[in-house]
Protein backbone atom coordinates (compact mmCIF):
# COMPACT_ATOMS: atom_id res chain seq x y z
CA MET A 1 128.42 141.14 92.80
CA LYS A 2 131.23 140.03 95.06
CA ILE A 3 131.94 142.01 98.21
CA GLU A 4 135.04 141.01 100.14
CA PRO A 5 136.26 142.33 103.50
CA LYS A 6 139.07 144.82 103.01
CA VAL A 7 140.32 148.11 104.39
CA LEU A 8 138.36 151.11 103.11
CA GLU A 9 139.71 154.56 103.84
CA ASN A 10 139.20 158.25 103.18
CA ARG A 11 140.52 161.33 104.95
CA PHE A 12 138.01 161.08 107.81
CA VAL A 13 137.71 157.39 108.64
CA ARG A 14 139.33 154.05 108.07
CA LEU A 15 137.10 150.96 107.96
CA GLU A 16 139.02 147.84 108.93
CA PRO A 17 137.67 144.30 109.00
CA MET A 18 136.84 143.77 112.67
CA ALA A 19 139.65 142.05 114.57
CA GLN A 20 140.67 141.28 118.14
CA ALA A 21 142.77 144.46 118.17
CA HIS A 22 139.55 146.53 118.00
CA LYS A 23 137.78 144.78 120.86
CA GLU A 24 138.54 147.02 123.84
CA ASP A 25 138.12 150.30 121.94
CA LEU A 26 134.77 149.04 120.61
CA ARG A 27 133.72 147.93 124.09
CA ALA A 28 134.47 151.43 125.42
CA ALA A 29 132.62 153.08 122.53
CA CYS A 30 129.53 150.93 123.12
CA ALA A 31 129.63 151.51 126.88
CA ALA A 32 129.55 155.27 126.26
CA ASP A 33 125.83 155.14 125.40
CA PRO A 34 124.08 152.23 127.14
CA ALA A 35 120.64 153.83 126.76
CA LEU A 36 120.93 153.57 122.98
CA PHE A 37 121.41 149.81 123.17
CA HIS A 38 118.50 149.52 125.61
CA ASP A 39 116.14 151.70 123.62
CA LEU A 40 116.99 151.08 119.96
CA TYR A 41 119.30 148.20 119.11
CA PRO A 42 117.97 144.73 118.38
CA TYR A 43 120.94 143.18 120.22
CA SER A 44 123.10 144.27 123.14
CA MET A 45 126.76 145.23 122.99
CA LEU A 46 126.97 145.91 126.73
CA GLY A 47 128.66 144.01 129.57
CA GLU A 48 128.71 140.23 129.16
CA ALA A 49 126.61 140.50 125.98
CA PHE A 50 129.48 142.41 124.36
CA ASP A 51 131.92 139.52 124.90
CA LYS A 52 129.42 136.95 123.68
CA ARG A 53 128.67 138.91 120.52
CA PHE A 54 132.30 139.82 119.81
CA ASP A 55 133.85 136.44 120.65
CA GLU A 56 131.12 134.07 119.45
CA GLN A 57 128.59 135.69 117.11
CA MET A 58 130.93 137.86 115.03
CA PRO A 59 133.24 134.94 114.14
CA LYS A 60 130.19 132.82 113.19
CA ASP A 61 128.88 135.67 111.04
CA ARG A 62 132.26 135.98 109.30
CA ALA A 63 132.52 132.23 108.70
CA THR A 64 129.10 132.07 107.03
CA GLY A 65 129.54 135.36 105.20
CA ALA A 66 126.22 136.55 106.67
CA TRP A 67 127.82 139.70 108.12
CA MET A 68 131.07 141.52 107.39
CA HIS A 69 131.85 143.62 110.47
CA TYR A 70 134.04 146.68 110.11
CA ALA A 71 135.72 148.69 112.84
CA VAL A 72 135.26 152.42 112.26
CA VAL A 73 138.67 153.88 113.07
CA VAL A 74 139.30 157.60 113.57
CA GLY A 75 142.91 158.48 114.30
CA ALA A 76 144.21 155.28 115.82
CA ARG A 77 141.05 154.40 117.78
CA CYS A 78 138.03 152.24 116.96
CA VAL A 79 135.05 154.54 117.62
CA GLY A 80 132.31 152.26 116.35
CA MET A 81 131.27 149.64 113.86
CA THR A 82 129.33 149.15 110.64
CA CYS A 83 128.56 146.05 108.60
CA PHE A 84 127.62 144.57 105.27
CA ILE A 85 124.75 142.17 105.96
CA GLY A 86 123.28 139.41 103.83
CA ALA A 87 125.22 140.00 100.64
CA ASP A 88 123.18 138.33 97.90
CA SER A 89 125.34 137.92 94.82
CA VAL A 90 122.54 136.43 92.72
CA ASN A 91 120.31 139.45 93.21
CA ALA A 92 123.21 141.94 93.57
CA SER A 93 121.84 143.26 96.85
CA VAL A 94 123.41 143.96 100.25
CA GLU A 95 122.35 145.67 103.45
CA VAL A 96 124.49 148.22 105.30
CA GLY A 97 123.65 148.12 108.98
CA GLY A 98 124.71 147.18 112.48
CA THR A 99 126.11 150.69 112.70
CA TYR A 100 127.05 152.32 115.98
CA TYR A 101 129.32 155.27 116.81
CA HIS A 102 130.63 156.61 120.11
CA PRO A 103 128.50 159.70 120.93
CA ASP A 104 131.48 162.02 120.32
CA PHE A 105 131.56 160.90 116.67
CA ARG A 106 127.92 161.47 115.78
CA GLY A 107 126.77 164.44 113.77
CA GLY A 108 130.10 165.15 112.06
CA ALA A 109 132.05 163.61 109.19
CA THR A 110 132.26 160.07 110.59
CA ASN A 111 128.90 158.67 109.44
CA PRO A 112 128.76 160.21 105.95
CA SER A 113 132.39 159.18 105.43
CA ALA A 114 131.74 155.59 106.46
CA LYS A 115 128.56 155.43 104.37
CA ARG A 116 130.43 156.86 101.36
CA LEU A 117 133.05 154.12 101.67
CA MET A 118 130.53 151.30 102.16
CA LEU A 119 128.30 152.42 99.31
CA GLY A 120 131.25 152.97 96.98
CA ASP A 121 132.58 149.51 97.73
CA ALA A 122 129.17 147.86 97.23
CA PHE A 123 128.40 149.55 93.93
CA GLU A 124 131.94 149.05 92.60
CA ALA A 125 131.53 145.35 93.43
CA GLY A 126 128.42 145.22 91.24
CA ALA A 127 125.54 145.87 93.64
CA ARG A 128 122.27 146.92 92.04
CA ARG A 129 120.66 147.64 95.41
CA VAL A 130 121.91 148.67 98.86
CA VAL A 131 119.40 148.39 101.69
CA TYR A 132 119.10 150.08 105.09
CA ARG A 133 116.76 148.73 107.77
CA VAL A 134 116.11 151.16 110.61
CA ASP A 135 114.05 150.85 113.77
CA ALA A 136 110.94 152.98 113.22
CA ILE A 137 111.47 154.85 116.51
CA ASN A 138 115.06 155.77 115.58
CA ALA A 139 114.37 159.26 114.24
CA ARG A 140 118.07 160.20 114.05
CA SER A 141 119.00 157.24 111.84
CA ARG A 142 115.92 157.60 109.66
CA ALA A 143 116.78 161.26 109.04
CA ALA A 144 120.42 160.40 108.28
CA VAL A 145 119.47 157.76 105.72
CA LEU A 146 117.04 160.12 104.00
CA LYS A 147 119.59 162.97 104.05
CA MET A 148 122.04 160.66 102.31
CA GLY A 149 119.54 160.19 99.48
CA ALA A 150 118.05 156.77 100.16
CA VAL A 151 114.40 156.15 99.26
CA GLN A 152 111.99 154.87 101.91
CA GLU A 153 110.26 151.77 100.56
CA GLY A 154 107.98 150.90 103.44
CA ILE A 155 107.61 149.78 107.02
CA PHE A 156 107.67 146.15 108.12
CA ARG A 157 105.28 146.16 111.06
CA LYS A 158 106.09 144.03 114.12
CA ASP A 159 109.18 142.91 112.23
CA ARG A 160 111.69 142.02 114.93
CA VAL A 161 111.95 141.30 118.64
CA ALA A 162 114.72 143.34 120.24
CA TRP A 163 116.88 141.84 122.97
CA THR A 164 114.82 143.76 125.54
CA GLY A 165 111.61 142.07 124.36
CA ARG A 166 110.28 145.17 122.59
CA ILE A 167 108.70 144.37 119.24
CA ARG A 168 109.94 146.82 116.69
CA ASP A 169 108.70 148.07 113.36
CA THR A 170 111.44 148.32 110.73
CA VAL A 171 111.64 151.05 108.07
CA VAL A 172 113.26 149.83 104.85
CA PHE A 173 115.22 152.20 102.61
CA SER A 174 117.26 151.54 99.49
CA ILE A 175 119.68 153.11 97.07
CA LEU A 176 119.78 151.64 93.56
CA ASP A 177 122.76 151.55 91.23
CA ASP A 178 121.29 154.19 88.91
CA GLU A 179 120.68 156.45 91.94
CA TRP A 180 124.22 156.00 93.24
CA PRO A 181 125.92 158.78 91.19
CA ALA A 182 123.59 161.44 92.63
CA VAL A 183 123.91 159.99 96.16
CA ARG A 184 127.70 159.84 95.77
CA ASP A 185 127.85 163.48 94.64
CA ARG A 186 125.65 164.53 97.59
CA LEU A 187 127.89 162.69 100.05
CA ASP A 188 131.04 164.10 98.47
CA ALA A 189 129.63 167.64 98.72
CA ARG A 190 128.78 167.08 102.41
CA LEU A 191 132.26 165.76 103.11
CA ALA A 192 133.89 168.68 101.28
CA ALA A 193 132.21 171.01 103.79
CA PHE A 194 134.21 169.34 106.59
CA ALA A 195 137.55 170.16 104.96
């Protein structure tokens, strides 16, 4: 498995490797829902923390290959982000996570479109397993991952300390390569309904 950052696009979204040109649109998208970062995210993308993460952490992540950040672009505007995390070529496994959308782009075609692109790219690159790790209290994301067709594998209790100091439990889901055709067809049918 070899996943490389590249533009991924369908009729609803365009995923572009995160670049300086996306910074201010992403900042505005993140600022549109500060409560979400306070209540659910393991790291902050608000205020000074946004600059530190965008200018320091994201370039480090890119350099090590630990994370591949993508800008989620609708029209000509970055409305959020999503990432490949911890690509493991030996075990043909990768996580899709670090996902956030401006509130105006939740509940429509944006998320299933982005997930369809990310999953398609991962499995075409040879992945045997794509993982999602979701905060246990994030009911919306848990429901979205299940609706997509992922299988819940378990809950890692007291798994991570969020930036606010809250200790979170993490629900782990996966989609395997032999499950991908059915998941792909389900996503394609959902997206066809938005036509």
